[in-house]
C-alpha atoms as a PDB file:
ATOM      1  CA  MET A   1      16.860  12.526  10.230  1.00  0.00           C
ATOM      2  CA  SER A   2      20.220  14.072   9.891  1.00  0.00           C
ATOM      3  CA  PRO A   3      23.605  12.948  10.922  1.00  0.00           C
ATOM      4  CA  GLU A   4      23.874  15.542  14.065  1.00  0.00           C
ATOM      5  CA  GLN A   5      20.975  14.283  15.573  1.00  0.00           C
ATOM      6  CA  ARG A   6      21.035  11.093  17.599  1.00  0.00           C
ATOM      7  CA  ALA A   7      20.185   7.563  16.253  1.00  0.00           C
ATOM      8  CA  PRO A   8      16.727   6.716  15.594  1.00  0.00           C
ATOM      9  CA  THR A   9      14.884   4.373  17.796  1.00  0.00           C
ATOM     10  CA  ILE A  10      13.906   1.535  15.679  1.00  0.00           C
ATOM     11  CA  ALA A  11      10.616  -0.683  16.718  1.00  0.00           C
ATOM     12  CA  VAL A  12       9.453  -3.699  14.692  1.00  0.00           C
ATOM     13  CA  VAL A  13       6.152  -4.558  14.914  1.00  0.00           C
ATOM     14  CA  ILE A  14       4.760  -8.518  14.727  1.00  0.00           C
ATOM     15  CA  PRO A  15       1.391  -9.691  13.759  1.00  0.00           C
ATOM     16  CA  CYS A  16       0.422 -12.848  15.134  1.00  0.00           C
ATOM     17  CA  TYR A  17      -2.476 -15.571  13.821  1.00  0.00           C
ATOM     18  CA  ALA A  18      -1.530 -18.987  13.707  1.00  0.00           C
ATOM     19  CA  VAL A  19       2.404 -18.540  13.756  1.00  0.00           C
ATOM     20  CA  SER A  20       3.028 -20.687  16.568  1.00  0.00           C
ATOM     21  CA  ARG A  21       6.079 -22.633  14.866  1.00  0.00           C
ATOM     22  CA  HIS A  22       7.812 -19.487  13.603  1.00  0.00           C
ATOM     23  CA  ILE A  23       7.257 -16.613  16.402  1.00  0.00           C
ATOM     24  CA  ALA A  24      10.233 -17.836  18.353  1.00  0.00           C
ATOM     25  CA  GLY A  25      12.745 -17.916  15.454  1.00  0.00           C
ATOM     26  CA  VAL A  26      11.739 -14.782  13.896  1.00  0.00           C
ATOM     27  CA  LEU A  27      12.371 -12.938  17.286  1.00  0.00           C
ATOM     28  CA  ASN A  28      15.769 -14.506  17.792  1.00  0.00           C
ATOM     29  CA  SER A  29      16.759 -13.524  14.266  1.00  0.00           C
ATOM     30  CA  ILE A  30      16.253  -9.644  14.944  1.00  0.00           C
ATOM     31  CA  GLY A  31      19.395  -7.871  15.496  1.00  0.00           C
ATOM     32  CA  PRO A  32      20.583  -5.331  17.993  1.00  0.00           C
ATOM     33  CA  GLU A  33      19.780  -2.400  15.845  1.00  0.00           C
ATOM     34  CA  VAL A  34      16.291  -2.498  16.842  1.00  0.00           C
ATOM     35  CA  GLN A  35      15.153  -1.142  20.046  1.00  0.00           C
ATOM     36  CA  ARG A  36      11.672  -2.538  20.669  1.00  0.00           C
ATOM     37  CA  ILE A  37       9.796  -5.436  19.515  1.00  0.00           C
ATOM     38  CA  TYR A  38       5.896  -5.502  19.525  1.00  0.00           C
ATOM     39  CA  VAL A  39       4.179  -9.104  19.163  1.00  0.00           C
ATOM     40  CA  ILE A  40       0.274  -8.365  18.504  1.00  0.00           C
ATOM     41  CA  ASP A  41      -1.751 -11.611  19.035  1.00  0.00           C
ATOM     42  CA  ASP A  42      -4.591 -11.548  16.948  1.00  0.00           C
ATOM     43  CA  GLY A  43      -7.178 -13.705  18.676  1.00  0.00           C
ATOM     44  CA  CYS A  44      -4.655 -16.528  18.041  1.00  0.00           C
ATOM     45  CA  PRO A  45      -5.944 -19.884  18.323  1.00  0.00           C
ATOM     46  CA  GLU A  46      -2.509 -21.157  18.769  1.00  0.00           C
ATOM     47  CA  GLU A  47      -2.072 -18.531  21.431  1.00  0.00           C
ATOM     48  CA  SER A  48       1.192 -17.146  20.043  1.00  0.00           C
ATOM     49  CA  GLY A  49       1.097 -14.253  22.650  1.00  0.00           C
ATOM     50  CA  ARG A  50       1.351 -16.851  25.533  1.00  0.00           C
ATOM     51  CA  LEU A  51       3.944 -18.726  24.011  1.00  0.00           C
ATOM     52  CA  VAL A  52       6.539 -15.561  23.242  1.00  0.00           C
ATOM     53  CA  LYS A  53       5.464 -14.677  27.115  1.00  0.00           C
ATOM     54  CA  GLU A  54       6.557 -18.145  28.569  1.00  0.00           C
ATOM     55  CA  SER A  55       9.528 -18.662  25.803  1.00  0.00           C
ATOM     56  CA  VAL A  56      11.025 -15.406  24.939  1.00  0.00           C
ATOM     57  CA  SER A  57      13.213 -13.568  27.636  1.00  0.00           C
ATOM     58  CA  ASP A  58      14.413 -10.682  25.380  1.00  0.00           C
ATOM     59  CA  PRO A  59      13.843  -7.523  27.214  1.00  0.00           C
ATOM     60  CA  ARG A  60      12.740  -5.030  24.210  1.00  0.00           C
ATOM     61  CA  VAL A  61       9.452  -7.663  23.331  1.00  0.00           C
ATOM     62  CA  ARG A  62       6.145  -6.883  24.629  1.00  0.00           C
ATOM     63  CA  VAL A  63       3.127  -8.787  23.424  1.00  0.00           C
ATOM     64  CA  LEU A  64      -0.202  -7.139  23.037  1.00  0.00           C
ATOM     65  CA  THR A  65      -3.567  -8.881  22.733  1.00  0.00           C
ATOM     66  CA  HIS A  66      -6.534  -8.794  20.801  1.00  0.00           C
ATOM     67  CA  PRO A  67      -9.324 -10.895  22.566  1.00  0.00           C
ATOM     68  CA  ARG A  68     -10.488 -11.261  18.953  1.00  0.00           C
ATOM     69  CA  ASN A  69      -9.279 -11.608  15.635  1.00  0.00           C
ATOM     70  CA  LEU A  70      -9.582  -8.173  14.153  1.00  0.00           C
ATOM     71  CA  GLY A  71      -7.328  -8.655  11.042  1.00  0.00           C
ATOM     72  CA  VAL A  72      -3.547  -8.203  10.176  1.00  0.00           C
ATOM     73  CA  GLY A  73      -4.290  -4.492   9.333  1.00  0.00           C
ATOM     74  CA  ALA A  74      -5.824  -3.774  12.969  1.00  0.00           C
ATOM     75  CA  ALA A  75      -3.019  -6.023  14.448  1.00  0.00           C
ATOM     76  CA  VAL A  76      -0.442  -3.776  12.860  1.00  0.00           C
ATOM     77  CA  VAL A  77      -2.073  -0.707  14.107  1.00  0.00           C
ATOM     78  CA  THR A  78      -2.245  -1.562  17.182  1.00  0.00           C
ATOM     79  CA  GLY A  79       1.889  -2.100  17.329  1.00  0.00           C
ATOM     80  CA  TYR A  80       1.799   1.090  15.431  1.00  0.00           C
ATOM     81  CA  ARG A  81      -0.276   3.060  18.296  1.00  0.00           C
ATOM     82  CA  GLN A  82       1.551   1.883  20.694  1.00  0.00           C
ATOM     83  CA  ALA A  83       5.129   2.300  18.988  1.00  0.00           C
ATOM     84  CA  LEU A  84       4.369   5.801  18.872  1.00  0.00           C
ATOM     85  CA  THR A  85       3.362   6.224  22.234  1.00  0.00           C
ATOM     86  CA  ASP A  86       6.723   5.167  23.163  1.00  0.00           C
ATOM     87  CA  GLY A  87       8.403   7.508  21.063  1.00  0.00           C
ATOM     88  CA  ALA A  88       9.798   5.058  18.122  1.00  0.00           C
ATOM     89  CA  ASP A  89      10.879   7.075  15.177  1.00  0.00           C
ATOM     90  CA  ILE A  90      10.982   4.400  12.223  1.00  0.00           C
ATOM     91  CA  ILE A  91       8.424   1.478  12.669  1.00  0.00           C
ATOM     92  CA  VAL A  92       9.337  -1.701  10.807  1.00  0.00           C
ATOM     93  CA  LYS A  93       6.232  -4.656  10.205  1.00  0.00           C
ATOM     94  CA  ILE A  94       7.713  -7.786   9.959  1.00  0.00           C
ATOM     95  CA  ASP A  95       5.103 -11.107   9.770  1.00  0.00           C
ATOM     96  CA  GLY A  96       5.449 -13.824  12.434  1.00  0.00           C
ATOM     97  CA  ASP A  97       5.819 -16.871   9.493  1.00  0.00           C
ATOM     98  CA  GLY A  98       9.221 -16.601   9.120  1.00  0.00           C
ATOM     99  CA  GLN A  99       9.353 -15.408   5.671  1.00  0.00           C
ATOM    100  CA  MET A 100      10.698 -12.177   5.895  1.00  0.00           C
ATOM    101  CA  ASP A 101      14.495 -12.382   6.891  1.00  0.00           C
ATOM    102  CA  PRO A 102      15.487  -9.648   9.955  1.00  0.00           C
ATOM    103  CA  LYS A 103      18.598  -9.709   8.287  1.00  0.00           C
ATOM    104  CA  LEU A 104      17.212  -7.788   5.569  1.00  0.00           C
ATOM    105  CA  LEU A 105      15.815  -4.633   8.319  1.00  0.00           C
ATOM    106  CA  LEU A 106      18.869  -2.435   8.048  1.00  0.00           C
ATOM    107  CA  ARG A 107      18.636  -2.331   4.364  1.00  0.00           C
ATOM    108  CA  LEU A 108      14.880  -1.567   4.731  1.00  0.00           C
ATOM    109  CA  VAL A 109      15.143   1.431   7.193  1.00  0.00           C
ATOM    110  CA  ASN A 110      18.167   2.967   5.431  1.00  0.00           C
ATOM    111  CA  PRO A 111      15.915   4.916   2.840  1.00  0.00           C
ATOM    112  CA  LEU A 112      14.266   6.550   5.962  1.00  0.00           C
ATOM    113  CA  VAL A 113      17.434   6.814   8.061  1.00  0.00           C
ATOM    114  CA  THR A 114      19.035   8.820   5.206  1.00  0.00           C
ATOM    115  CA  GLY A 115      16.021  11.079   4.535  1.00  0.00           C
ATOM    116  CA  LEU A 116      15.154   9.582   0.902  1.00  0.00           C
ATOM    117  CA  ALA A 117      11.740   8.083   1.683  1.00  0.00           C
ATOM    118  CA  ASP A 118       8.798   8.154   4.433  1.00  0.00           C
ATOM    119  CA  TYR A 119       8.125   4.452   3.771  1.00  0.00           C
ATOM    120  CA  ALA A 120       9.977   1.604   2.112  1.00  0.00           C
ATOM    121  CA  LYS A 121       8.822  -1.658   1.296  1.00  0.00           C
ATOM    122  CA  GLY A 122       9.845  -4.753   0.407  1.00  0.00           C
ATOM    123  CA  ASN A 123       9.622  -5.835  -3.433  1.00  0.00           C
ATOM    124  CA  ARG A 124      10.197  -9.775  -4.192  1.00  0.00           C
ATOM    125  CA  PHE A 125      10.139  -9.178  -7.897  1.00  0.00           C
ATOM    126  CA  PHE A 126      13.629  -7.584  -8.568  1.00  0.00           C
ATOM    127  CA  GLY A 127      15.269 -10.432 -10.023  1.00  0.00           C
ATOM    128  CA  LEU A 128      14.829 -13.693 -11.988  1.00  0.00           C
ATOM    129  CA  GLU A 129      15.970 -16.090  -9.214  1.00  0.00           C
ATOM    130  CA  SER A 130      13.647 -14.341  -6.411  1.00  0.00           C
ATOM    131  CA  MET A 131      10.946 -14.829  -9.008  1.00  0.00           C
ATOM    132  CA  ARG A 132      11.380 -18.264  -9.380  1.00  0.00           C
ATOM    133  CA  ALA A 133      11.354 -19.006  -5.689  1.00  0.00           C
ATOM    134  CA  MET A 134       8.133 -17.563  -5.606  1.00  0.00           C
ATOM    135  CA  PRO A 135       4.774 -20.083  -5.794  1.00  0.00           C
ATOM    136  CA  THR A 136       3.254 -19.802  -9.147  1.00  0.00           C
ATOM    137  CA  LEU A 137      -0.180 -18.633  -7.982  1.00  0.00           C
ATOM    138  CA  ARG A 138       1.210 -15.991  -5.650  1.00  0.00           C
ATOM    139  CA  LYS A 139       3.287 -14.602  -8.636  1.00  0.00           C
ATOM    140  CA  LEU A 140       0.290 -14.409 -10.943  1.00  0.00           C
ATOM    141  CA  GLY A 141      -1.962 -12.995  -8.193  1.00  0.00           C
ATOM    142  CA  ASN A 142       0.648 -10.619  -7.157  1.00  0.00           C
ATOM    143  CA  LEU A 143       1.051  -9.660 -10.780  1.00  0.00           C
ATOM    144  CA  ALA A 144      -2.793  -8.765 -10.970  1.00  0.00           C
ATOM    145  CA  LEU A 145      -2.953  -6.970  -7.781  1.00  0.00           C
ATOM    146  CA  SER A 146       0.400  -5.009  -8.284  1.00  0.00           C
ATOM    147  CA  LEU A 147      -1.356  -3.381 -11.508  1.00  0.00           C
ATOM    148  CA  PHE A 148      -4.799  -2.733  -9.513  1.00  0.00           C
ATOM    149  CA  SER A 149      -2.459  -0.926  -6.655  1.00  0.00           C
ATOM    150  CA  LYS A 150      -0.625   1.330  -9.057  1.00  0.00           C
ATOM    151  CA  GLY A 151      -3.835   3.108 -10.410  1.00  0.00           C
ATOM    152  CA  SER A 152      -5.251   3.307  -6.709  1.00  0.00           C
ATOM    153  CA  SER A 153      -2.272   4.120  -4.814  1.00  0.00           C
ATOM    154  CA  GLY A 154      -0.592   6.394  -7.709  1.00  0.00           C
ATOM    155  CA  TYR A 155       2.667   5.094  -6.987  1.00  0.00           C
ATOM    156  CA  TRP A 156       3.411   4.236  -9.959  1.00  0.00           C
ATOM    157  CA  GLN A 157       7.001   3.148  -9.816  1.00  0.00           C
ATOM    158  CA  ILE A 158       6.628   0.918  -7.112  1.00  0.00           C
ATOM    159  CA  PHE A 159       5.544  -3.084  -7.247  1.00  0.00           C
ATOM    160  CA  ASP A 160       4.732  -5.587  -5.256  1.00  0.00           C
ATOM    161  CA  PRO A 161       2.015  -4.034  -3.261  1.00  0.00           C
ATOM    162  CA  THR A 162       1.000  -7.072  -0.883  1.00  0.00           C
ATOM    163  CA  ASN A 163       4.824  -7.289   0.361  1.00  0.00           C
ATOM    164  CA  GLY A 164       4.095  -6.933   4.143  1.00  0.00           C
ATOM    165  CA  TYR A 165       7.898  -6.212   4.731  1.00  0.00           C
ATOM    166  CA  THR A 166       7.526  -2.386   5.609  1.00  0.00           C
ATOM    167  CA  ALA A 167       9.156   0.470   7.415  1.00  0.00           C
ATOM    168  CA  ILE A 168       7.552   3.786   8.239  1.00  0.00           C
ATOM    169  CA  HIS A 169       8.704   7.135   9.347  1.00  0.00           C
ATOM    170  CA  ALA A 170       6.832   7.776  12.674  1.00  0.00           C
ATOM    171  CA  ALA A 171       6.206  11.571  11.169  1.00  0.00           C
ATOM    172  CA  VAL A 172       4.043  10.132   8.460  1.00  0.00           C
ATOM    173  CA  LEU A 173       2.370   7.426  10.766  1.00  0.00           C
ATOM    174  CA  LYS A 174       1.366  10.317  12.757  1.00  0.00           C
ATOM    175  CA  ALA A 175      -0.272  12.455   9.883  1.00  0.00           C
ATOM    176  CA  LEU A 176      -2.167   8.981   9.087  1.00  0.00           C
ATOM    177  CA  PRO A 177      -6.085   8.148  10.245  1.00  0.00           C
ATOM    178  CA  LEU A 178      -4.738   4.982  11.529  1.00  0.00           C
ATOM    179  CA  ASP A 179      -8.557   4.619  12.580  1.00  0.00           C
ATOM    180  CA  LYS A 180      -9.774   4.545   9.117  1.00  0.00           C
ATOM    181  CA  LEU A 181      -7.385   1.706   7.715  1.00  0.00           C
ATOM    182  CA  GLU A 182      -8.127  -1.472   6.463  1.00  0.00           C
ATOM    183  CA  PRO A 183      -8.220  -3.787   9.062  1.00  0.00           C
ATOM    184  CA  ARG A 184      -7.672  -6.932   7.008  1.00  0.00           C
ATOM    185  CA  TYR A 185      -5.362  -7.933   4.121  1.00  0.00           C
ATOM    186  CA  PHE A 186      -6.167  -5.104   1.700  1.00  0.00           C
ATOM    187  CA  PHE A 187      -4.003  -2.647   4.900  1.00  0.00           C
ATOM    188  CA  GLU A 188      -0.767  -2.709   2.534  1.00  0.00           C
ATOM    189  CA  SER A 189      -2.486  -1.319  -0.328  1.00  0.00           C
ATOM    190  CA  ASP A 190      -5.102   0.816   1.646  1.00  0.00           C
ATOM    191  CA  LEU A 191      -1.633   2.369   3.567  1.00  0.00           C
ATOM    192  CA  LEU A 192      -0.367   3.204  -0.130  1.00  0.00           C
ATOM    193  CA  PHE A 193      -3.300   5.203  -0.940  1.00  0.00           C
ATOM    194  CA  ARG A 194      -3.167   7.258   2.459  1.00  0.00           C
ATOM    195  CA  LEU A 195       0.246   7.763   1.700  1.00  0.00           C
ATOM    196  CA  ASN A 196      -0.351   8.999  -1.675  1.00  0.00           C
ATOM    197  CA  LEU A 197      -2.693  12.016  -0.519  1.00  0.00           C
ATOM    198  CA  LEU A 198      -0.310  12.942   2.140  1.00  0.00           C
ATOM    199  CA  GLY A 199       2.406  13.335  -0.770  1.00  0.00           C
ATOM    200  CA  ALA A 200       5.026  10.790   0.896  1.00  0.00           C
ATOM    201  CA  VAL A 201       7.841   9.508  -0.824  1.00  0.00           C
ATOM    202  CA  VAL A 202       7.630   5.282  -1.154  1.00  0.00           C
ATOM    203  CA  GLY A 203      10.731   3.430  -1.987  1.00  0.00           C
ATOM    204  CA  ASP A 204      10.924  -0.619  -3.118  1.00  0.00           C
ATOM    205  CA  VAL A 205      13.567  -2.301  -1.491  1.00  0.00           C
ATOM    206  CA  PRO A 206      14.659  -5.583  -3.266  1.00  0.00           C
ATOM    207  CA  MET A 207      14.397  -8.786  -1.135  1.00  0.00           C
ATOM    208  CA  THR A 208      14.152 -12.142  -0.905  1.00  0.00           C
ATOM    209  CA  ALA A 209      11.772 -14.120   0.861  1.00  0.00           C
ATOM    210  CA  HIS A 210      11.395 -17.585   1.996  1.00  0.00           C
ATOM    211  CA  TYR A 211       8.443 -20.029   1.280  1.00  0.00           C
ATOM    212  CA  GLY A 212       8.750 -22.757   3.432  1.00  0.00           C
ATOM    213  CA  THR A 213       5.599 -24.677   5.504  1.00  0.00           C
ATOM    214  CA  GLU A 214       3.846 -21.917   6.734  1.00  0.00           C
ATOM    215  CA  SER A 215       0.342 -21.120   5.039  1.00  0.00           C
ATOM    216  CA  SER A 216      -0.965 -18.108   3.911  1.00  0.00           C
ATOM    217  CA  GLY A 217      -4.587 -16.911   4.948  1.00  0.00           C
ATOM    218  CA  LEU A 218      -4.943 -14.539   1.826  1.00  0.00           C
ATOM    219  CA  ARG A 219      -6.760 -16.888  -0.846  1.00  0.00           C
ATOM    220  CA  ILE A 220      -5.973 -15.068  -4.345  1.00  0.00           C
ATOM    221  CA  GLY A 221      -9.220 -16.465  -5.716  1.00  0.00           C
ATOM    222  CA  ARG A 222     -11.464 -14.456  -3.189  1.00  0.00           C
ATOM    223  CA  ALA A 223      -8.735 -11.621  -3.090  1.00  0.00           C
ATOM    224  CA  VAL A 224      -8.549 -10.318  -6.347  1.00  0.00           C
ATOM    225  CA  PRO A 225     -12.463  -9.191  -7.187  1.00  0.00           C
ATOM    226  CA  GLU A 226     -12.540  -7.932  -3.586  1.00  0.00           C
ATOM    227  CA  PHE A 227      -9.370  -5.994  -3.947  1.00  0.00           C
ATOM    228  CA  LEU A 228     -10.216  -4.874  -7.485  1.00  0.00           C
ATOM    229  CA  PHE A 229     -13.752  -3.318  -5.943  1.00  0.00           C
ATOM    230  CA  LYS A 230     -11.431  -1.594  -3.348  1.00  0.00           C
ATOM    231  CA  HIS A 231      -8.846  -0.668  -5.652  1.00  0.00           C
ATOM    232  CA  LEU A 232     -11.648   1.257  -7.985  1.00  0.00           C
ATOM    233  CA  ARG A 233     -12.702   3.051  -4.872  1.00  0.00           C
ATOM    234  CA  ASN A 234      -9.688   4.254  -3.658  1.00  0.00           C
ATOM    235  CA  MET A 235      -8.657   5.286  -7.412  1.00  0.00           C
ATOM    236  CA  THR A 236     -11.792   7.426  -7.544  1.00  0.00           C
ATOM    237  CA  LYS A 237     -11.135   8.707  -4.045  1.00  0.00           C
ATOM    238  CA  ARG A 238      -7.886  10.017  -5.326  1.00  0.00           C
ATOM    239  CA  LEU A 239      -8.377  11.268  -8.436  1.00  0.00           C
ATOM    240  CA  VAL A 240     -11.361  13.488  -6.784  1.00  0.00           C
ATOM    241  CA  TYR A 241      -8.851  14.400  -4.143  1.00  0.00           C
ATOM    242  CA  VAL A 242      -5.750  14.958  -5.913  1.00  0.00           C
ATOM    243  CA  TYR A 243      -6.892  16.817  -9.085  1.00  0.00           C
ATOM    244  CA  PHE A 244     -10.027  18.278  -8.141  1.00  0.00           C
ATOM    245  CA  LEU A 245     -10.189  19.036  -4.335  1.00  0.00           C
ATOM    246  CA  ASN A 246      -6.441  19.297  -3.430  1.00  0.00           C
ATOM    247  CA  ASP A 247      -5.418  21.126  -7.200  1.00  0.00           C
ATOM    248  CA  PHE A 248      -6.735  21.842 -10.506  1.00  0.00           C
ATOM    249  CA  SER A 249      -4.523  21.828 -13.367  1.00  0.00           C
ATOM    250  CA  ILE A 250      -4.493  20.694 -17.073  1.00  0.00           C
ATOM    251  CA  ALA A 251      -4.208  17.191 -15.986  1.00  0.00           C
ATOM    252  CA  SER A 252      -7.539  17.784 -14.450  1.00  0.00           C
ATOM    253  CA  ILE A 253      -9.552  19.092 -17.494  1.00  0.00           C
ATOM    254  CA  GLU A 254      -7.841  15.893 -19.380  1.00  0.00           C
ATOM    255  CA  LEU A 255      -9.513  13.658 -17.208  1.00  0.00           C
ATOM    256  CA  LEU A 256     -12.769  15.474 -17.182  1.00  0.00           C
ATOM    257  CA  LEU A 257     -13.051  16.279 -20.784  1.00  0.00           C
ATOM    258  CA  GLY A 258     -11.546  12.614 -21.130  1.00  0.00           C
ATOM    259  CA  ALA A 259     -14.159  11.107 -19.270  1.00  0.00           C
ATOM    260  CA  VAL A 260     -17.073  12.964 -20.821  1.00  0.00           C
ATOM    261  CA  CYS A 261     -16.257  12.476 -24.117  1.00  0.00           C
ATOM    262  CA  LEU A 262     -15.293   8.750 -23.910  1.00  0.00           C
ATOM    263  CA  LEU A 263     -18.917   8.220 -22.186  1.00  0.00           C
ATOM    264  CA  PHE A 264     -21.210  10.343 -24.706  1.00  0.00           C
ATOM    265  CA  GLY A 265     -19.084   8.508 -27.796  1.00  0.00           C
ATOM    266  CA  THR A 266     -19.886   5.226 -25.989  1.00  0.00           C
ATOM    267  CA  VAL A 267     -23.611   5.794 -24.854  1.00  0.00           C
ATOM    268  CA  PHE A 268     -24.489   7.415 -27.962  1.00  0.00           C
ATOM    269  CA  GLY A 269     -22.684   5.330 -30.571  1.00  0.00           C
ATOM    270  CA  SER A 270     -24.452   1.905 -28.621  1.00  0.00           C
ATOM    271  CA  TRP A 271     -27.447   3.694 -28.742  1.00  0.00           C
ATOM    272  CA  ALA A 272     -27.274   4.483 -32.599  1.00  0.00           C
ATOM    273  CA  TRP A 273     -26.091   0.972 -33.309  1.00  0.00           C
ATOM    274  CA  LEU A 274     -29.358  -0.477 -31.363  1.00  0.00           C
ATOM    275  CA  ARG A 275     -31.448   1.641 -33.335  1.00  0.00           C
ATOM    276  CA  SER A 276     -30.087   0.606 -36.953  1.00  0.00           C
ATOM    277  CA  PHE A 277     -29.784  -2.929 -35.644  1.00  0.00           C
ATOM    278  CA  ARG A 278     -33.589  -3.287 -35.016  1.00  0.00           C
ATOM    279  CA  ALA A 279     -34.442  -0.915 -38.066  1.00  0.00           C
ATOM    280  CA  GLY A 280     -32.550  -3.107 -40.527  1.00  0.00           C
ATOM    281  CA  VAL A 281     -30.654  -0.081 -41.782  1.00  0.00           C
ATOM    282  CA  THR A 282     -26.892   0.923 -41.901  1.00  0.00           C
ATOM    283  CA  ALA A 283     -26.103   4.171 -39.978  1.00  0.00           C
ATOM    284  CA  SER A 284     -25.064   7.272 -41.749  1.00  0.00           C
ATOM    285  CA  ALA A 285     -21.611   8.251 -41.788  1.00  0.00           C
ATOM    286  CA  GLY A 286     -22.405  11.593 -40.113  1.00  0.00           C
ATOM    287  CA  THR A 287     -23.697   9.024 -36.929  1.00  0.00           C
ATOM    288  CA  VAL A 288     -20.476   7.163 -37.083  1.00  0.00           C
ATOM    289  CA  MET A 289     -18.724   9.868 -36.655  1.00  0.00           C
ATOM    290  CA  LEU A 290     -20.419  11.419 -34.171  1.00  0.00           C
ATOM    291  CA  ALA A 291     -20.118   8.282 -31.883  1.00  0.00           C
ATOM    292  CA  ALA A 292     -16.128   7.208 -32.942  1.00  0.00           C
ATOM    293  CA  LEU A 293     -14.450  11.169 -32.724  1.00  0.00           C
ATOM    294  CA  PRO A 294     -15.559  11.345 -29.120  1.00  0.00           C
ATOM    295  CA  VAL A 295     -14.419   8.152 -28.511  1.00  0.00           C
ATOM    296  CA  LEU A 296     -11.117   8.818 -30.022  1.00  0.00           C
ATOM    297  CA  LEU A 297     -10.868  12.264 -28.694  1.00  0.00           C
ATOM    298  CA  GLY A 298     -11.432  10.893 -25.333  1.00  0.00           C
ATOM    299  CA  VAL A 299      -9.230   8.064 -25.200  1.00  0.00           C
ATOM    300  CA  GLN A 300      -6.377  10.844 -26.296  1.00  0.00           C
ATOM    301  CA  LEU A 301      -7.249  12.773 -23.484  1.00  0.00           C
ATOM    302  CA  LEU A 302      -7.188   9.886 -20.956  1.00  0.00           C
ATOM    303  CA  LEU A 303      -3.798   8.630 -22.048  1.00  0.00           C
ATOM    304  CA  ALA A 304      -2.477  12.440 -21.579  1.00  0.00           C
ATOM    305  CA  PHE A 305      -3.623  12.108 -18.280  1.00  0.00           C
ATOM    306  CA  LEU A 306      -2.564   8.859 -17.464  1.00  0.00           C
ATOM    307  CA  ALA A 307       0.949  10.075 -18.687  1.00  0.00           C
ATOM    308  CA  PHE A 308       0.840  13.193 -16.416  1.00  0.00           C
ATOM    309  CA  ASP A 309      -0.665  10.606 -13.494  1.00  0.00           C
ATOM    310  CA  VAL A 310       2.514   8.275 -14.194  1.00  0.00           C
ATOM    311  CA  GLY A 311       5.243  11.186 -13.902  1.00  0.00           C
ATOM    312  CA  ARG A 312       3.447  13.017 -10.963  1.00  0.00           C
ATOM    313  CA  LYS A 313       6.048  12.081  -8.285  1.00  0.00           C
ATOM    314  CA  GLU A 314       6.970  13.693  -4.755  1.00  0.00           C
ATOM    315  CA  THR A 315      10.706  13.826  -4.405  1.00  0.00           C
ATOM    316  CA  VAL A 316      11.051  15.639  -0.974  1.00  0.00           C
ATOM    317  CA  PRO A 317      10.077  13.254   2.007  1.00  0.00           C
ATOM    318  CA  PHE A 318       6.959  14.161   3.966  1.00  0.00           C
ATOM    319  CA  HIS A 319       8.800  13.608   7.092  1.00  0.00           C
ATOM    320  CA  ARG A 320      11.525  16.355   6.030  1.00  0.00           C
ATOM    321  CA  ARG A 321       8.597  18.984   4.798  1.00  0.00           C
ATOM    322  CA  VAL A 322       6.548  18.274   7.862  1.00  0.00           C
ATOM    323  CA  SER A 323       9.692  19.449  10.483  1.00  0.00           C
ATOM    324  CA  TYR A 324       8.966  23.069   8.822  1.00  0.00           C
ATOM    325  CA  TRP A 325       5.319  23.143   9.362  1.00  0.00           C
ATOM    326  CA  PRO A 326       3.420  24.148  12.381  1.00  0.00           C
ATOM    327  CA  VAL A 327       1.905  20.909  14.182  1.00  0.00           C
ATOM    328  CA  ASP A 328      -1.673  22.234  14.074  1.00  0.00           C
ATOM    329  CA  ARG A 329      -1.759  22.748  10.276  1.00  0.00           C
ATOM    330  CA  ILE A 330      -0.790  19.120   9.453  1.00  0.00           C
ATOM    331  CA  ASP A 331      -3.737  17.601   7.286  1.00  0.00           C
ATOM    332  CA  PRO A 332      -4.311  14.022   7.974  1.00  0.00           C
ATOM    333  CA  ALA A 333      -5.616  13.214   4.742  1.00  0.00           C
ATOM    334  CA  GLY A 334      -7.986  10.902   3.153  1.00  0.00           C
ATOM    335  CA  ASN A 335     -11.014  11.895   5.741  1.00  0.00           C
ATOM    336  CA  GLY A 336     -13.448  10.188   2.877  1.00  0.00           C
END
């Protein structure tokens, strides 16, 4: 949004589940730069929504209620939809457990207001002191999930993908298939995948998190296998869409030939080794070369493709590009 235009309307979405001890403090910490606040009671057993209605008099606050728990992603989408309906320009998502400092909100939305990014997210790994404050188990889990997320989303430059302190531009949000986003804890990672299909620019914003008496519903031991499967699924979708359906380049050839060569060399080599082992004879030099060369060539091609994929980065934000397009030509991206 250019300086000549009106100041953007900023809305905050707060999904709530078992956060009754913290939600009032979070709401009281949100500054006057925010025009609308949506509290989504996601079937909270502590009735956080009722608590907010009874104890918070801020006219900016509106409580939306899910009769049953649908997941943090579904709660955020409910808030997103209402914010879009009410005409918000930038929508910030803050958790209700007090881990995210509302005072950092302006820092988070600044890349969007200045036209540098479509989506900004907090990064708790920007400095040594921030990492020391994070519990060890969360630290290890986030490191693993960050690596998975880079491959599935294509945003190799970002870190801390499970960080829920985010800001998104309304123009980008309108182009996303909100009904297809993951409804639970994989929401942030799935959203990054969808943003990449749009060619949106994502920025990491350094931040600190507060760890107190709140408890996370995310269990790393169970989340890592589940998230790994979903990341592999999204990575496959992204590669097919970006390198074969939406475009075809030298990188597409490197990916295709690299995968074929590596697969052939691995399968043929395994078969030849098993046959030699059963027969009790040594495989010939020709057989070894016929297995090894495709593997080596496949690895080299895939490394070349990886270098291309890591360097592939959109520089002009989607919300700036889309202003030049007819509305009926916006592709919602990621229909699969």
